[in-house]
Amino acid sequence: MSRPPLVLASESPRRLALLAQAGVKPDAIVPAAIDETPGRHELPRIYALRMARAKAAAAGSTWDGPPAIVLAADTVVACGRRILPKALTATEVGDCLSLLSGRAHQVFTAVAVRNAQGRLRSIVCLTRVTFRRLDIEEREAYVRSGEGVGKAGGYAIQAKAEIFVRRLNGSYSNVVGLPLFETVNILKGCGYPISW
């Protein structure tokens, strides 16, 4: 291998699929187990950046192979200063949809890359998303589908929830979970060649 191996600090199938679109295939997946509790009064952008950097550091310290490039990311959905949860239950999905219905919100994804020499680079991408007003039946049907469980903000834009989006300003792939333009540029800057 003429380049350092690429370690992805995430088990997200969405991030793997997005990387594949850009011609990037990680050599290893090392999920980072970290405390993801937001700090009191922590702003969404700062929280996302802190999480991505912590994931890159945790995966880098766990990796026991040759010097590697470590890629980590964290996606946060926010209404103003309020960080929405990664919905773990149907109730949380319903609560998120009720809050997002008929409103604009922000999606922040922080990308952190540690190069083979251990230097860290990071960036935060912001996309503004506006949902149309959702009626009770739509919200309940989406909750029943189970699609929002495990997703930041309780929805997956790349599937059924795309019909809720009235307006999107910024990177679509950012809302899915990994802003491709920013990720490819930061990987190149850290010595990872992108080939199709």
Foldseek 3Di string as FASTA:
>chain_A
DPFFFEEEQDPDPLVQVLCVVQQDHGPYYHHADDDLDDDVLDAPQRSFQVVQVNSQVRSQVVDDDAQHKYKGKGKWKADGRRTQAQAAALVSLLVLCVVQAQAKIKMKMKMWIQASVGDIDIDIFIKIWHFYHDDPVRSVVLSVVVQQHRHHSSHACVPDCVVRTPDMGGAPSSNNPDRVVVVVVVCVVRPDDGDD
